[in-house]
Amino acid sequence: MTVEQPTGTGSATGLRERKKQRTHAALLRTALELFTTQGYEQTTVDEIADAVQVSQRTFFRYFASKEDAAFAVQQMVERHFVAALRDRPATEGPFDALRNSVLEAWDTIGEAITEVVPVEVYLRMLHVIESTPPLLAVHLRRSFEMEEYIARLIAEREGLDVDTDPRPRVAVAAFSGVMRVTGQLWVQGRETTLEAMRALTADYLDHIGPALAGDWRETAAQAARTGTEGTDAR
């Protein structure tokens, strides 16, 4: 006996997913536009939901809070960078891996950002975050947590113990400092394209790269050998 398979199930699922994606994008775009035009603290969840013609309950289905929406694009950029870092070849030195990862991320993240909001809205949102005390506090906490996460990722990549070898945290602190400086210059500058941000980032990273470049595995092995030889000499 031939059993007939239900038809249209896959297409129905695809339609639902596309509708969810459209709703998510519309809520996020509207939230960021309202945050950047009338202020984060002056914007309510109800206003965002009403503008998209959905319920407050629908908003919370996509975002845990108003704060979650404010950092959504930044989180997307961070995830993109971390994925690029994980994919860098093991033959690269740690700082080279950080540099190449962020430049690769800027090369490929543009389309994902512009699918949600224009670049100028993303720029204005960065300014809103830095000029709104509650958001700035969250931003600083998130930055610290991201730095620690990346330092541990670098340590794991290099076969080091992040709690005994200071280099992963030092390198990530220097890298993050460059990201903060170039981000502020980009927001304040006249060139507001993603290409301009990439060029600015590369220029600043290249100024500190030589000090942090090199093969950490080899220097760690040399230090271990030196320590062993010193013990043998005694």
C-alpha atoms as a PDB file:
ATOM      1  CA  MET A   1       0.000   0.000   0.000  1.00  0.00           C
ATOM      2  CA  THR A   2       1.312   3.437  -0.894  1.00  0.00           C
ATOM      3  CA  VAL A   3       1.104   5.981   1.870  1.00  0.00           C
ATOM      4  CA  GLU A   4       0.578   9.503   0.606  1.00  0.00           C
ATOM      5  CA  GLN A   5       2.907  12.047   2.168  1.00  0.00           C
ATOM      6  CA  PRO A   6       1.467  15.382   3.302  1.00  0.00           C
ATOM      7  CA  THR A   7       2.249  18.115   0.832  1.00  0.00           C
ATOM      8  CA  GLY A   8       3.208  21.679   1.550  1.00  0.00           C
ATOM      9  CA  THR A   9       4.604  21.018   5.051  1.00  0.00           C
ATOM     10  CA  GLY A  10       8.079  22.178   4.166  1.00  0.00           C
ATOM     11  CA  SER A  11       6.876  25.290   2.384  1.00  0.00           C
ATOM     12  CA  ALA A  12       4.562  26.164   5.278  1.00  0.00           C
ATOM     13  CA  THR A  13       7.470  25.871   7.720  1.00  0.00           C
ATOM     14  CA  GLY A  14       9.588  28.021   5.442  1.00  0.00           C
ATOM     15  CA  LEU A  15       6.890  30.679   5.281  1.00  0.00           C
ATOM     16  CA  ARG A  16       6.586  30.741   9.072  1.00  0.00           C
ATOM     17  CA  GLU A  17      10.342  31.120   9.479  1.00  0.00           C
ATOM     18  CA  ARG A  18      10.488  33.924   6.935  1.00  0.00           C
ATOM     19  CA  LYS A  19       7.618  35.683   8.691  1.00  0.00           C
ATOM     20  CA  LYS A  20       9.452  35.378  12.019  1.00  0.00           C
ATOM     21  CA  GLN A  21      12.610  36.790  10.453  1.00  0.00           C
ATOM     22  CA  ARG A  22      10.682  39.709   8.972  1.00  0.00           C
ATOM     23  CA  THR A  23       9.005  40.449  12.305  1.00  0.00           C
ATOM     24  CA  HIS A  24      12.309  40.269  14.169  1.00  0.00           C
ATOM     25  CA  ALA A  25      13.977  42.586  11.643  1.00  0.00           C
ATOM     26  CA  ALA A  26      11.067  45.040  11.714  1.00  0.00           C
ATOM     27  CA  LEU A  27      11.045  45.201  15.520  1.00  0.00           C
ATOM     28  CA  LEU A  28      14.794  45.666  15.687  1.00  0.00           C
ATOM     29  CA  ARG A  29      14.904  48.302  12.956  1.00  0.00           C
ATOM     30  CA  THR A  30      12.029  50.222  14.553  1.00  0.00           C
ATOM     31  CA  ALA A  31      13.562  50.017  18.021  1.00  0.00           C
ATOM     32  CA  LEU A  32      16.910  51.360  16.848  1.00  0.00           C
ATOM     33  CA  GLU A  33      15.310  54.132  14.819  1.00  0.00           C
ATOM     34  CA  LEU A  34      13.243  55.226  17.835  1.00  0.00           C
ATOM     35  CA  PHE A  35      16.205  54.952  20.209  1.00  0.00           C
ATOM     36  CA  THR A  36      18.305  57.145  17.926  1.00  0.00           C
ATOM     37  CA  THR A  37      15.640  59.764  17.193  1.00  0.00           C
ATOM     38  CA  GLN A  38      13.826  60.236  20.482  1.00  0.00           C
ATOM     39  CA  GLY A  39      16.177  58.611  22.990  1.00  0.00           C
ATOM     40  CA  TYR A  40      16.536  55.165  24.552  1.00  0.00           C
ATOM     41  CA  GLU A  41      14.977  56.015  27.889  1.00  0.00           C
ATOM     42  CA  GLN A  42      12.129  57.937  26.255  1.00  0.00           C
ATOM     43  CA  THR A  43      11.154  54.971  24.055  1.00  0.00           C
ATOM     44  CA  THR A  44       8.792  52.317  25.422  1.00  0.00           C
ATOM     45  CA  VAL A  45       8.277  48.735  24.337  1.00  0.00           C
ATOM     46  CA  ASP A  46       4.647  49.585  23.579  1.00  0.00           C
ATOM     47  CA  GLU A  47       5.739  52.278  21.127  1.00  0.00           C
ATOM     48  CA  ILE A  48       8.015  49.854  19.313  1.00  0.00           C
ATOM     49  CA  ALA A  49       5.344  47.166  19.138  1.00  0.00           C
ATOM     50  CA  ASP A  50       2.651  49.619  18.024  1.00  0.00           C
ATOM     51  CA  ALA A  51       4.856  50.955  15.236  1.00  0.00           C
ATOM     52  CA  VAL A  52       5.262  47.412  13.870  1.00  0.00           C
ATOM     53  CA  GLN A  53       1.581  46.657  14.543  1.00  0.00           C
ATOM     54  CA  VAL A  54       2.260  43.724  16.856  1.00  0.00           C
ATOM     55  CA  SER A  55       1.530  43.145  20.518  1.00  0.00           C
ATOM     56  CA  GLN A  56       3.886  43.763  23.421  1.00  0.00           C
ATOM     57  CA  ARG A  57       3.845  40.013  23.943  1.00  0.00           C
ATOM     58  CA  THR A  58       5.185  39.547  20.413  1.00  0.00           C
ATOM     59  CA  PHE A  59       8.044  41.971  21.140  1.00  0.00           C
ATOM     60  CA  PHE A  60       9.078  39.902  24.170  1.00  0.00           C
ATOM     61  CA  ARG A  61       8.934  36.771  22.064  1.00  0.00           C
ATOM     62  CA  TYR A  62      11.899  38.138  20.120  1.00  0.00           C
ATOM     63  CA  PHE A  63      13.715  40.270  22.709  1.00  0.00           C
ATOM     64  CA  ALA A  64      14.092  39.698  26.418  1.00  0.00           C
ATOM     65  CA  SER A  65      14.044  43.443  27.057  1.00  0.00           C
ATOM     66  CA  LYS A  66      14.465  46.869  25.486  1.00  0.00           C
ATOM     67  CA  GLU A  67      18.155  46.596  26.386  1.00  0.00           C
ATOM     68  CA  ASP A  68      18.383  43.344  24.447  1.00  0.00           C
ATOM     69  CA  ALA A  69      17.186  45.151  21.313  1.00  0.00           C
ATOM     70  CA  ALA A  70      19.636  48.017  21.878  1.00  0.00           C
ATOM     71  CA  PHE A  71      22.613  45.640  21.766  1.00  0.00           C
ATOM     72  CA  ALA A  72      21.279  43.198  19.162  1.00  0.00           C
ATOM     73  CA  VAL A  73      23.363  44.408  16.207  1.00  0.00           C
ATOM     74  CA  GLN A  74      26.472  44.699  18.364  1.00  0.00           C
ATOM     75  CA  GLN A  75      25.950  41.112  19.533  1.00  0.00           C
ATOM     76  CA  MET A  76      25.649  40.025  15.918  1.00  0.00           C
ATOM     77  CA  VAL A  77      28.975  41.715  15.091  1.00  0.00           C
ATOM     78  CA  GLU A  78      30.651  40.096  18.122  1.00  0.00           C
ATOM     79  CA  ARG A  79      29.392  36.617  17.198  1.00  0.00           C
ATOM     80  CA  HIS A  80      30.662  37.130  13.673  1.00  0.00           C
ATOM     81  CA  PHE A  81      34.114  38.089  15.002  1.00  0.00           C
ATOM     82  CA  VAL A  82      34.309  35.130  17.398  1.00  0.00           C
ATOM     83  CA  ALA A  83      33.346  32.719  14.607  1.00  0.00           C
ATOM     84  CA  ALA A  84      36.073  34.209  12.394  1.00  0.00           C
ATOM     85  CA  LEU A  85      38.629  33.889  15.215  1.00  0.00           C
ATOM     86  CA  ARG A  86      37.781  30.237  15.782  1.00  0.00           C
ATOM     87  CA  ASP A  87      38.330  29.571  12.080  1.00  0.00           C
ATOM     88  CA  ARG A  88      41.770  31.194  11.830  1.00  0.00           C
ATOM     89  CA  PRO A  89      44.592  28.745  11.005  1.00  0.00           C
ATOM     90  CA  ALA A  90      46.666  27.505  13.928  1.00  0.00           C
ATOM     91  CA  THR A  91      49.829  28.633  12.126  1.00  0.00           C
ATOM     92  CA  GLU A  92      48.969  32.288  12.747  1.00  0.00           C
ATOM     93  CA  GLY A  93      50.347  34.024  15.792  1.00  0.00           C
ATOM     94  CA  PRO A  94      47.718  35.057  18.362  1.00  0.00           C
ATOM     95  CA  PHE A  95      47.726  38.771  17.588  1.00  0.00           C
ATOM     96  CA  ASP A  96      47.738  38.120  13.851  1.00  0.00           C
ATOM     97  CA  ALA A  97      44.711  35.879  14.389  1.00  0.00           C
ATOM     98  CA  LEU A  98      42.918  38.674  16.264  1.00  0.00           C
ATOM     99  CA  ARG A  99      43.803  41.226  13.584  1.00  0.00           C
ATOM    100  CA  ASN A 100      42.822  39.027  10.653  1.00  0.00           C
ATOM    101  CA  SER A 101      39.602  37.956  12.357  1.00  0.00           C
ATOM    102  CA  VAL A 102      38.342  41.484  12.907  1.00  0.00           C
ATOM    103  CA  LEU A 103      39.251  42.555   9.361  1.00  0.00           C
ATOM    104  CA  GLU A 104      37.541  39.463   7.951  1.00  0.00           C
ATOM    105  CA  ALA A 105      34.506  40.229  10.099  1.00  0.00           C
ATOM    106  CA  TRP A 106      34.313  43.779   8.730  1.00  0.00           C
ATOM    107  CA  ASP A 107      34.637  42.379   5.207  1.00  0.00           C
ATOM    108  CA  THR A 108      31.647  40.088   5.611  1.00  0.00           C
ATOM    109  CA  ILE A 109      29.362  41.586   8.273  1.00  0.00           C
ATOM    110  CA  GLY A 110      28.240  44.583   6.240  1.00  0.00           C
ATOM    111  CA  GLU A 111      25.476  42.765   4.411  1.00  0.00           C
ATOM    112  CA  ALA A 112      24.100  41.321   7.655  1.00  0.00           C
ATOM    113  CA  ILE A 113      24.027  44.787   9.271  1.00  0.00           C
ATOM    114  CA  THR A 114      22.421  46.526   6.313  1.00  0.00           C
ATOM    115  CA  GLU A 115      19.747  43.843   6.111  1.00  0.00           C
ATOM    116  CA  VAL A 116      18.600  45.120   9.523  1.00  0.00           C
ATOM    117  CA  VAL A 117      19.423  48.833   9.545  1.00  0.00           C
ATOM    118  CA  PRO A 118      21.371  51.334   7.445  1.00  0.00           C
ATOM    119  CA  VAL A 119      24.963  51.810   8.591  1.00  0.00           C
ATOM    120  CA  GLU A 120      24.217  55.365   9.711  1.00  0.00           C
ATOM    121  CA  VAL A 121      21.551  54.072  12.124  1.00  0.00           C
ATOM    122  CA  TYR A 122      24.066  51.570  13.512  1.00  0.00           C
ATOM    123  CA  LEU A 123      26.516  54.440  13.982  1.00  0.00           C
ATOM    124  CA  ARG A 124      23.932  56.596  15.739  1.00  0.00           C
ATOM    125  CA  MET A 125      23.060  53.668  18.007  1.00  0.00           C
ATOM    126  CA  LEU A 126      26.707  53.365  19.076  1.00  0.00           C
ATOM    127  CA  HIS A 127      26.564  57.043  20.042  1.00  0.00           C
ATOM    128  CA  VAL A 128      23.311  56.474  21.967  1.00  0.00           C
ATOM    129  CA  ILE A 129      24.933  53.629  23.904  1.00  0.00           C
ATOM    130  CA  GLU A 130      27.931  55.763  24.872  1.00  0.00           C
ATOM    131  CA  SER A 131      25.795  58.765  25.846  1.00  0.00           C
ATOM    132  CA  THR A 132      23.130  56.895  27.852  1.00  0.00           C
ATOM    133  CA  PRO A 133      24.441  56.011  31.355  1.00  0.00           C
ATOM    134  CA  PRO A 134      22.415  52.782  31.837  1.00  0.00           C
ATOM    135  CA  LEU A 135      23.454  51.528  28.389  1.00  0.00           C
ATOM    136  CA  LEU A 136      27.062  52.606  28.868  1.00  0.00           C
ATOM    137  CA  ALA A 137      27.244  50.624  32.114  1.00  0.00           C
ATOM    138  CA  VAL A 138      25.923  47.537  30.335  1.00  0.00           C
ATOM    139  CA  HIS A 139      28.312  48.144  27.429  1.00  0.00           C
ATOM    140  CA  LEU A 140      31.335  48.285  29.755  1.00  0.00           C
ATOM    141  CA  ARG A 141      30.264  45.099  31.526  1.00  0.00           C
ATOM    142  CA  ARG A 142      29.685  43.310  28.236  1.00  0.00           C
ATOM    143  CA  SER A 143      33.064  44.516  26.932  1.00  0.00           C
ATOM    144  CA  PHE A 144      34.836  43.140  30.018  1.00  0.00           C
ATOM    145  CA  GLU A 145      33.066  39.797  29.671  1.00  0.00           C
ATOM    146  CA  MET A 146      33.905  39.617  25.950  1.00  0.00           C
ATOM    147  CA  GLU A 147      37.573  40.427  26.620  1.00  0.00           C
ATOM    148  CA  GLU A 148      37.792  37.635  29.165  1.00  0.00           C
ATOM    149  CA  TYR A 149      36.082  35.215  26.798  1.00  0.00           C
ATOM    150  CA  ILE A 150      38.456  36.058  23.939  1.00  0.00           C
ATOM    151  CA  ALA A 151      41.519  35.880  26.229  1.00  0.00           C
ATOM    152  CA  ARG A 152      40.519  32.366  27.256  1.00  0.00           C
ATOM    153  CA  LEU A 153      39.889  31.465  23.622  1.00  0.00           C
ATOM    154  CA  ILE A 154      43.371  32.704  22.667  1.00  0.00           C
ATOM    155  CA  ALA A 155      44.937  30.854  25.594  1.00  0.00           C
ATOM    156  CA  GLU A 156      43.189  27.642  24.571  1.00  0.00           C
ATOM    157  CA  ARG A 157      44.316  28.138  20.980  1.00  0.00           C
ATOM    158  CA  GLU A 158      47.943  28.628  22.067  1.00  0.00           C
ATOM    159  CA  GLY A 159      47.943  25.854  24.667  1.00  0.00           C
ATOM    160  CA  LEU A 160      48.456  28.281  27.545  1.00  0.00           C
ATOM    161  CA  ASP A 161      46.959  28.679  31.001  1.00  0.00           C
ATOM    162  CA  VAL A 162      45.324  32.095  31.003  1.00  0.00           C
ATOM    163  CA  ASP A 163      45.582  32.297  34.797  1.00  0.00           C
ATOM    164  CA  THR A 164      49.369  31.834  34.862  1.00  0.00           C
ATOM    165  CA  ASP A 165      50.455  33.347  31.543  1.00  0.00           C
ATOM    166  CA  PRO A 166      49.534  37.058  31.241  1.00  0.00           C
ATOM    167  CA  ARG A 167      50.009  37.329  27.473  1.00  0.00           C
ATOM    168  CA  PRO A 168      46.486  36.368  26.330  1.00  0.00           C
ATOM    169  CA  ARG A 169      44.844  38.987  28.556  1.00  0.00           C
ATOM    170  CA  VAL A 170      47.489  41.625  27.710  1.00  0.00           C
ATOM    171  CA  ALA A 171      47.092  41.046  23.961  1.00  0.00           C
ATOM    172  CA  VAL A 172      43.300  41.125  24.154  1.00  0.00           C
ATOM    173  CA  ALA A 173      43.373  44.273  26.297  1.00  0.00           C
ATOM    174  CA  ALA A 174      45.557  45.999  23.680  1.00  0.00           C
ATOM    175  CA  PHE A 175      43.349  44.731  20.877  1.00  0.00           C
ATOM    176  CA  SER A 176      40.176  45.870  22.649  1.00  0.00           C
ATOM    177  CA  GLY A 177      41.719  49.276  23.295  1.00  0.00           C
ATOM    178  CA  VAL A 178      42.290  49.700  19.567  1.00  0.00           C
ATOM    179  CA  MET A 179      38.704  48.630  18.882  1.00  0.00           C
ATOM    180  CA  ARG A 180      37.392  51.266  21.297  1.00  0.00           C
ATOM    181  CA  VAL A 181      39.560  54.040  19.859  1.00  0.00           C
ATOM    182  CA  THR A 182      38.816  53.250  16.220  1.00  0.00           C
ATOM    183  CA  GLY A 183      35.128  52.821  17.004  1.00  0.00           C
ATOM    184  CA  GLN A 184      34.967  56.282  18.562  1.00  0.00           C
ATOM    185  CA  LEU A 185      36.907  57.834  15.664  1.00  0.00           C
ATOM    186  CA  TRP A 186      34.597  56.125  13.176  1.00  0.00           C
ATOM    187  CA  VAL A 187      31.475  57.409  14.902  1.00  0.00           C
ATOM    188  CA  GLN A 188      32.892  60.940  15.048  1.00  0.00           C
ATOM    189  CA  GLY A 189      34.428  60.982  11.571  1.00  0.00           C
ATOM    190  CA  ARG A 190      33.152  62.024   8.184  1.00  0.00           C
ATOM    191  CA  GLU A 191      33.818  58.637   6.577  1.00  0.00           C
ATOM    192  CA  THR A 192      31.014  56.464   7.913  1.00  0.00           C
ATOM    193  CA  THR A 193      31.304  53.463   5.614  1.00  0.00           C
ATOM    194  CA  LEU A 194      32.223  49.986   6.819  1.00  0.00           C
ATOM    195  CA  GLU A 195      35.197  50.138   4.456  1.00  0.00           C
ATOM    196  CA  ALA A 196      36.445  53.227   6.293  1.00  0.00           C
ATOM    197  CA  MET A 197      36.081  51.418   9.619  1.00  0.00           C
ATOM    198  CA  ARG A 198      38.058  48.461   8.289  1.00  0.00           C
ATOM    199  CA  ALA A 199      40.878  50.677   7.002  1.00  0.00           C
ATOM    200  CA  LEU A 200      41.038  52.617  10.276  1.00  0.00           C
ATOM    201  CA  THR A 201      41.124  49.394  12.298  1.00  0.00           C
ATOM    202  CA  ALA A 202      43.884  47.888  10.158  1.00  0.00           C
ATOM    203  CA  ASP A 203      45.994  51.053  10.439  1.00  0.00           C
ATOM    204  CA  TYR A 204      45.778  51.191  14.237  1.00  0.00           C
ATOM    205  CA  LEU A 205      46.293  47.460  14.732  1.00  0.00           C
ATOM    206  CA  ASP A 206      49.368  47.524  12.515  1.00  0.00           C
ATOM    207  CA  HIS A 207      50.964  50.061  14.856  1.00  0.00           C
ATOM    208  CA  ILE A 208      50.884  47.703  17.833  1.00  0.00           C
ATOM    209  CA  GLY A 209      51.114  44.393  15.982  1.00  0.00           C
ATOM    210  CA  PRO A 210      54.940  44.064  15.998  1.00  0.00           C
ATOM    211  CA  ALA A 211      55.063  44.326  19.779  1.00  0.00           C
ATOM    212  CA  LEU A 212      52.643  41.438  20.240  1.00  0.00           C
ATOM    213  CA  ALA A 213      53.393  39.312  17.178  1.00  0.00           C
ATOM    214  CA  GLY A 214      55.416  36.135  17.185  1.00  0.00           C
ATOM    215  CA  ASP A 215      55.071  32.485  17.993  1.00  0.00           C
ATOM    216  CA  TRP A 216      53.897  32.187  21.578  1.00  0.00           C
ATOM    217  CA  ARG A 217      54.112  28.399  21.529  1.00  0.00           C
ATOM    218  CA  GLU A 218      57.808  28.580  20.673  1.00  0.00           C
ATOM    219  CA  THR A 219      58.602  31.214  23.294  1.00  0.00           C
ATOM    220  CA  ALA A 220      56.699  29.203  25.900  1.00  0.00           C
ATOM    221  CA  ALA A 221      58.668  26.082  24.918  1.00  0.00           C
ATOM    222  CA  GLN A 222      61.926  28.020  25.138  1.00  0.00           C
ATOM    223  CA  ALA A 223      61.023  29.275  28.597  1.00  0.00           C
ATOM    224  CA  ALA A 224      60.192  25.748  29.690  1.00  0.00           C
ATOM    225  CA  ARG A 225      63.514  24.452  28.336  1.00  0.00           C
ATOM    226  CA  THR A 226      65.414  27.271  30.040  1.00  0.00           C
ATOM    227  CA  GLY A 227      63.725  26.457  33.322  1.00  0.00           C
ATOM    228  CA  THR A 228      64.588  22.784  32.957  1.00  0.00           C
ATOM    229  CA  GLU A 229      68.179  23.519  32.088  1.00  0.00           C
ATOM    230  CA  GLY A 230      68.468  25.801  35.095  1.00  0.00           C
ATOM    231  CA  THR A 231      67.167  23.048  37.344  1.00  0.00           C
ATOM    232  CA  ASP A 232      69.590  20.518  35.840  1.00  0.00           C
ATOM    233  CA  ALA A 233      72.516  22.903  36.360  1.00  0.00           C
ATOM    234  CA  ARG A 234      71.759  23.041  40.062  1.00  0.00           C
END
